[in-house]
Amino acid sequence: MAEKKKKELTQDDIMKLEIAKEIGLIEKLEELGWGGLTAKETGRIGGLMTAKKKKRKKQNGS
């Protein structure tokens, strides 16, 4: 049986996990994985990621 290699987390992966924790989805995520979230939940995470990236970019003056 082949073992699944764990990929290294990217900055986006880390941000997704932080946001999931902030909005109370981390337990569901750990139990069911990303596929267990609804489209509404994943959309909310994506929207918050975009907002954070825009804010970060604005703060850095770019």
PDB file of N, CA and C in Angstrom:
ATOM      1  N   MET A   1       0.847  -1.180   0.000  1.00  0.00           N
ATOM      2  CA  MET A   1       0.000   0.000   0.000  1.00  0.00           C
ATOM      3  C   MET A   1       0.891   1.242   0.000  1.00  0.00           C
ATOM      4  N   ALA A   2       0.682   2.124  -0.945  1.00  0.00           N
ATOM      5  CA  ALA A   2       1.496   3.330  -1.071  1.00  0.00           C
ATOM      6  C   ALA A   2       1.049   4.374  -0.055  1.00  0.00           C
ATOM      7  N   GLU A   3       2.042   5.015   0.535  1.00  0.00           N
ATOM      8  CA  GLU A   3       1.731   6.079   1.481  1.00  0.00           C
ATOM      9  C   GLU A   3       1.526   7.371   0.719  1.00  0.00           C
ATOM     10  N   LYS A   4       0.588   8.167   1.198  1.00  0.00           N
ATOM     11  CA  LYS A   4       0.323   9.453   0.586  1.00  0.00           C
ATOM     12  C   LYS A   4       1.366  10.451   1.085  1.00  0.00           C
ATOM     13  N   LYS A   5       2.032  11.110   0.157  1.00  0.00           N
ATOM     14  CA  LYS A   5       3.021  12.106   0.561  1.00  0.00           C
ATOM     15  C   LYS A   5       2.309  13.373   0.998  1.00  0.00           C
ATOM     16  N   LYS A   6       2.773  13.930   2.099  1.00  0.00           N
ATOM     17  CA  LYS A   6       2.209  15.185   2.559  1.00  0.00           C
ATOM     18  C   LYS A   6       2.913  16.307   1.832  1.00  0.00           C
ATOM     19  N   LYS A   7       2.118  17.156   1.173  1.00  0.00           N
ATOM     20  CA  LYS A   7       2.737  18.277   0.480  1.00  0.00           C
ATOM     21  C   LYS A   7       2.992  19.401   1.475  1.00  0.00           C
ATOM     22  N   GLU A   8       3.982  20.206   1.164  1.00  0.00           N
ATOM     23  CA  GLU A   8       4.274  21.342   2.026  1.00  0.00           C
ATOM     24  C   GLU A   8       3.180  22.378   1.868  1.00  0.00           C
ATOM     25  N   LEU A   9       2.822  22.995   2.975  1.00  0.00           N
ATOM     26  CA  LEU A   9       1.769  24.005   2.939  1.00  0.00           C
ATOM     27  C   LEU A   9       2.299  25.295   2.320  1.00  0.00           C
ATOM     28  N   THR A  10       1.510  25.856   1.415  1.00  0.00           N
ATOM     29  CA  THR A  10       1.853  27.140   0.824  1.00  0.00           C
ATOM     30  C   THR A  10       1.300  28.247   1.729  1.00  0.00           C
ATOM     31  N   GLN A  11       1.651  29.481   1.412  1.00  0.00           N
ATOM     32  CA  GLN A  11       1.117  30.619   2.177  1.00  0.00           C
ATOM     33  C   GLN A  11      -0.407  30.637   2.067  1.00  0.00           C
ATOM     34  N   ASP A  12      -0.940  30.324   0.874  1.00  0.00           N
ATOM     35  CA  ASP A  12      -2.393  30.294   0.694  1.00  0.00           C
ATOM     36  C   ASP A  12      -3.038  29.192   1.530  1.00  0.00           C
ATOM     37  N   ASP A  13      -2.395  28.039   1.605  1.00  0.00           N
ATOM     38  CA  ASP A  13      -2.921  26.939   2.421  1.00  0.00           C
ATOM     39  C   ASP A  13      -2.996  27.354   3.892  1.00  0.00           C
ATOM     40  N   ILE A  14      -1.949  28.005   4.351  1.00  0.00           N
ATOM     41  CA  ILE A  14      -1.899  28.453   5.745  1.00  0.00           C
ATOM     42  C   ILE A  14      -3.001  29.477   5.998  1.00  0.00           C
ATOM     43  N   MET A  15      -3.183  30.412   5.042  1.00  0.00           N
ATOM     44  CA  MET A  15      -4.219  31.426   5.186  1.00  0.00           C
ATOM     45  C   MET A  15      -5.605  30.787   5.208  1.00  0.00           C
ATOM     46  N   LYS A  16      -5.840  29.785   4.349  1.00  0.00           N
ATOM     47  CA  LYS A  16      -7.129  29.091   4.323  1.00  0.00           C
ATOM     48  C   LYS A  16      -7.432  28.453   5.675  1.00  0.00           C
ATOM     49  N   LEU A  17      -6.433  27.815   6.245  1.00  0.00           N
ATOM     50  CA  LEU A  17      -6.623  27.167   7.542  1.00  0.00           C
ATOM     51  C   LEU A  17      -6.894  28.193   8.641  1.00  0.00           C
ATOM     52  N   GLU A  18      -6.179  29.320   8.603  1.00  0.00           N
ATOM     53  CA  GLU A  18      -6.401  30.382   9.597  1.00  0.00           C
ATOM     54  C   GLU A  18      -7.824  30.924   9.502  1.00  0.00           C
ATOM     55  N   ILE A  19      -8.283  31.151   8.286  1.00  0.00           N
ATOM     56  CA  ILE A  19      -9.635  31.685   8.091  1.00  0.00           C
ATOM     57  C   ILE A  19     -10.676  30.662   8.522  1.00  0.00           C
ATOM     58  N   ALA A  20     -10.465  29.392   8.183  1.00  0.00           N
ATOM     59  CA  ALA A  20     -11.398  28.337   8.600  1.00  0.00           C
ATOM     60  C   ALA A  20     -11.511  28.318  10.127  1.00  0.00           C
ATOM     61  N   LYS A  21     -10.388  28.510  10.795  1.00  0.00           N
ATOM     62  CA  LYS A  21     -10.391  28.542  12.250  1.00  0.00           C
ATOM     63  C   LYS A  21     -11.151  29.760  12.763  1.00  0.00           C
ATOM     64  N   GLU A  22     -10.906  30.924  12.140  1.00  0.00           N
ATOM     65  CA  GLU A  22     -11.557  32.171  12.552  1.00  0.00           C
ATOM     66  C   GLU A  22     -13.074  32.097  12.428  1.00  0.00           C
ATOM     67  N   ILE A  23     -13.565  31.439  11.392  1.00  0.00           N
ATOM     68  CA  ILE A  23     -15.013  31.411  11.176  1.00  0.00           C
ATOM     69  C   ILE A  23     -15.670  30.138  11.712  1.00  0.00           C
ATOM     70  N   GLY A  24     -14.908  29.355  12.463  1.00  0.00           N
ATOM     71  CA  GLY A  24     -15.475  28.206  13.163  1.00  0.00           C
ATOM     72  C   GLY A  24     -15.674  26.955  12.327  1.00  0.00           C
ATOM     73  N   LEU A  25     -14.908  26.805  11.251  1.00  0.00           N
ATOM     74  CA  LEU A  25     -15.054  25.624  10.401  1.00  0.00           C
ATOM     75  C   LEU A  25     -13.918  24.622  10.548  1.00  0.00           C
ATOM     76  N   ILE A  26     -12.970  24.896  11.423  1.00  0.00           N
ATOM     77  CA  ILE A  26     -11.778  24.046  11.504  1.00  0.00           C
ATOM     78  C   ILE A  26     -12.116  22.619  11.938  1.00  0.00           C
ATOM     79  N   GLU A  27     -13.070  22.462  12.854  1.00  0.00           N
ATOM     80  CA  GLU A  27     -13.429  21.116  13.312  1.00  0.00           C
ATOM     81  C   GLU A  27     -14.048  20.316  12.169  1.00  0.00           C
ATOM     82  N   LYS A  28     -14.948  20.957  11.431  1.00  0.00           N
ATOM     83  CA  LYS A  28     -15.594  20.290  10.297  1.00  0.00           C
ATOM     84  C   LYS A  28     -14.550  19.943   9.236  1.00  0.00           C
ATOM     85  N   LEU A  29     -13.622  20.843   9.024  1.00  0.00           N
ATOM     86  CA  LEU A  29     -12.565  20.633   8.040  1.00  0.00           C
ATOM     87  C   LEU A  29     -11.682  19.455   8.426  1.00  0.00           C
ATOM     88  N   GLU A  30     -11.299  19.390   9.695  1.00  0.00           N
ATOM     89  CA  GLU A  30     -10.452  18.286  10.165  1.00  0.00           C
ATOM     90  C   GLU A  30     -11.175  16.948  10.071  1.00  0.00           C
ATOM     91  N   GLU A  31     -12.488  16.973  10.306  1.00  0.00           N
ATOM     92  CA  GLU A  31     -13.265  15.736  10.282  1.00  0.00           C
ATOM     93  C   GLU A  31     -13.563  15.263   8.858  1.00  0.00           C
ATOM     94  N   LEU A  32     -13.962  16.190   7.985  1.00  0.00           N
ATOM     95  CA  LEU A  32     -14.440  15.817   6.657  1.00  0.00           C
ATOM     96  C   LEU A  32     -13.498  16.185   5.520  1.00  0.00           C
ATOM     97  N   GLY A  33     -12.535  17.024   5.778  1.00  0.00           N
ATOM     98  CA  GLY A  33     -11.645  17.496   4.720  1.00  0.00           C
ATOM     99  C   GLY A  33     -12.296  18.622   3.926  1.00  0.00           C
ATOM    100  N   TRP A  34     -11.562  19.144   2.959  1.00  0.00           N
ATOM    101  CA  TRP A  34     -12.066  20.276   2.166  1.00  0.00           C
ATOM    102  C   TRP A  34     -13.319  19.892   1.391  1.00  0.00           C
ATOM    103  N   GLY A  35     -13.420  18.653   0.974  1.00  0.00           N
ATOM    104  CA  GLY A  35     -14.585  18.204   0.220  1.00  0.00           C
ATOM    105  C   GLY A  35     -15.853  18.142   1.043  1.00  0.00           C
ATOM    106  N   GLY A  36     -15.731  18.171   2.354  1.00  0.00           N
ATOM    107  CA  GLY A  36     -16.890  18.114   3.233  1.00  0.00           C
ATOM    108  C   GLY A  36     -17.534  19.460   3.495  1.00  0.00           C
ATOM    109  N   LEU A  37     -16.893  20.534   3.022  1.00  0.00           N
ATOM    110  CA  LEU A  37     -17.464  21.862   3.206  1.00  0.00           C
ATOM    111  C   LEU A  37     -18.446  22.159   2.088  1.00  0.00           C
ATOM    112  N   THR A  38     -19.440  22.989   2.394  1.00  0.00           N
ATOM    113  CA  THR A  38     -20.405  23.375   1.363  1.00  0.00           C
ATOM    114  C   THR A  38     -19.780  24.432   0.457  1.00  0.00           C
ATOM    115  N   ALA A  39     -20.420  24.647  -0.688  1.00  0.00           N
ATOM    116  CA  ALA A  39     -19.947  25.676  -1.622  1.00  0.00           C
ATOM    117  C   ALA A  39     -19.991  27.048  -0.947  1.00  0.00           C
ATOM    118  N   LYS A  40     -20.990  27.269  -0.119  1.00  0.00           N
ATOM    119  CA  LYS A  40     -21.124  28.544   0.581  1.00  0.00           C
ATOM    120  C   LYS A  40     -19.942  28.743   1.540  1.00  0.00           C
ATOM    121  N   GLU A  41     -19.580  27.681   2.247  1.00  0.00           N
ATOM    122  CA  GLU A  41     -18.466  27.770   3.200  1.00  0.00           C
ATOM    123  C   GLU A  41     -17.137  27.994   2.494  1.00  0.00           C
ATOM    124  N   THR A  42     -16.894  27.265   1.414  1.00  0.00           N
ATOM    125  CA  THR A  42     -15.626  27.443   0.698  1.00  0.00           C
ATOM    126  C   THR A  42     -15.589  28.803   0.018  1.00  0.00           C
ATOM    127  N   GLY A  43     -16.740  29.270  -0.465  1.00  0.00           N
ATOM    128  CA  GLY A  43     -16.810  30.601  -1.065  1.00  0.00           C
ATOM    129  C   GLY A  43     -16.513  31.689  -0.054  1.00  0.00           C
ATOM    130  N   ARG A  44     -16.990  31.495   1.152  1.00  0.00           N
ATOM    131  CA  ARG A  44     -16.728  32.473   2.214  1.00  0.00           C
ATOM    132  C   ARG A  44     -15.238  32.522   2.538  1.00  0.00           C
ATOM    133  N   ILE A  45     -14.611  31.356   2.608  1.00  0.00           N
ATOM    134  CA  ILE A  45     -13.164  31.301   2.860  1.00  0.00           C
ATOM    135  C   ILE A  45     -12.423  32.006   1.726  1.00  0.00           C
ATOM    136  N   GLY A  46     -12.810  31.716   0.490  1.00  0.00           N
ATOM    137  CA  GLY A  46     -12.166  32.346  -0.661  1.00  0.00           C
ATOM    138  C   GLY A  46     -12.341  33.858  -0.665  1.00  0.00           C
ATOM    139  N   GLY A  47     -13.531  34.310  -0.329  1.00  0.00           N
ATOM    140  CA  GLY A  47     -13.795  35.752  -0.273  1.00  0.00           C
ATOM    141  C   GLY A  47     -12.964  36.445   0.787  1.00  0.00           C
ATOM    142  N   LEU A  48     -12.855  35.816   1.946  1.00  0.00           N
ATOM    143  CA  LEU A  48     -12.053  36.396   3.030  1.00  0.00           C
ATOM    144  C   LEU A  48     -10.566  36.380   2.683  1.00  0.00           C
ATOM    145  N   MET A  49     -10.131  35.342   1.965  1.00  0.00           N
ATOM    146  CA  MET A  49      -8.733  35.286   1.516  1.00  0.00           C
ATOM    147  C   MET A  49      -8.437  36.452   0.579  1.00  0.00           C
ATOM    148  N   THR A  50      -9.338  36.688  -0.360  1.00  0.00           N
ATOM    149  CA  THR A  50      -9.165  37.776  -1.320  1.00  0.00           C
ATOM    150  C   THR A  50      -9.104  39.114  -0.599  1.00  0.00           C
ATOM    151  N   ALA A  51      -9.998  39.316   0.360  1.00  0.00           N
ATOM    152  CA  ALA A  51     -10.015  40.567   1.111  1.00  0.00           C
ATOM    153  C   ALA A  51      -8.709  40.764   1.887  1.00  0.00           C
ATOM    154  N   LYS A  52      -8.222  39.698   2.510  1.00  0.00           N
ATOM    155  CA  LYS A  52      -6.971  39.791   3.266  1.00  0.00           C
ATOM    156  C   LYS A  52      -5.791  40.098   2.347  1.00  0.00           C
ATOM    157  N   LYS A  53      -5.775  39.464   1.176  1.00  0.00           N
ATOM    158  CA  LYS A  53      -4.681  39.702   0.229  1.00  0.00           C
ATOM    159  C   LYS A  53      -4.696  41.148  -0.262  1.00  0.00           C
ATOM    160  N   LYS A  54      -5.902  41.665  -0.562  1.00  0.00           N
ATOM    161  CA  LYS A  54      -6.019  43.057  -1.014  1.00  0.00           C
ATOM    162  C   LYS A  54      -5.546  44.015   0.073  1.00  0.00           C
ATOM    163  N   LYS A  55      -5.965  43.748   1.306  1.00  0.00           N
ATOM    164  CA  LYS A  55      -5.575  44.595   2.422  1.00  0.00           C
ATOM    165  C   LYS A  55      -4.076  44.577   2.617  1.00  0.00           C
ATOM    166  N   ARG A  56      -3.489  43.389   2.546  1.00  0.00           N
ATOM    167  CA  ARG A  56      -2.037  43.222   2.709  1.00  0.00           C
ATOM    168  C   ARG A  56      -1.286  43.963   1.607  1.00  0.00           C
ATOM    169  N   LYS A  57      -1.788  43.842   0.398  1.00  0.00           N
ATOM    170  CA  LYS A  57      -1.147  44.495  -0.743  1.00  0.00           C
ATOM    171  C   LYS A  57      -1.205  46.012  -0.592  1.00  0.00           C
ATOM    172  N   LYS A  58      -2.358  46.510  -0.124  1.00  0.00           N
ATOM    173  CA  LYS A  58      -2.548  47.950   0.073  1.00  0.00           C
ATOM    174  C   LYS A  58      -1.598  48.467   1.167  1.00  0.00           C
ATOM    175  N   GLN A  59      -1.445  47.695   2.258  1.00  0.00           N
ATOM    176  CA  GLN A  59      -0.580  48.091   3.362  1.00  0.00           C
ATOM    177  C   GLN A  59       0.890  48.127   2.931  1.00  0.00           C
ATOM    178  N   ASN A  60       1.256  47.248   2.009  1.00  0.00           N
ATOM    179  CA  ASN A  60       2.633  47.208   1.527  1.00  0.00           C
ATOM    180  C   ASN A  60       2.900  48.271   0.473  1.00  0.00           C
ATOM    181  N   GLY A  61       1.863  49.018   0.106  1.00  0.00           N
ATOM    182  CA  GLY A  61       2.030  50.109  -0.840  1.00  0.00           C
ATOM    183  C   GLY A  61       2.213  49.696  -2.276  1.00  0.00           C
ATOM    184  N   SER A  62       1.792  48.491  -2.607  1.00  0.00           N
ATOM    185  CA  SER A  62       1.939  48.009  -3.994  1.00  0.00           C
ATOM    186  C   SER A  62       0.681  48.233  -4.765  1.00  0.00           C
TER     187      SER A  62
END
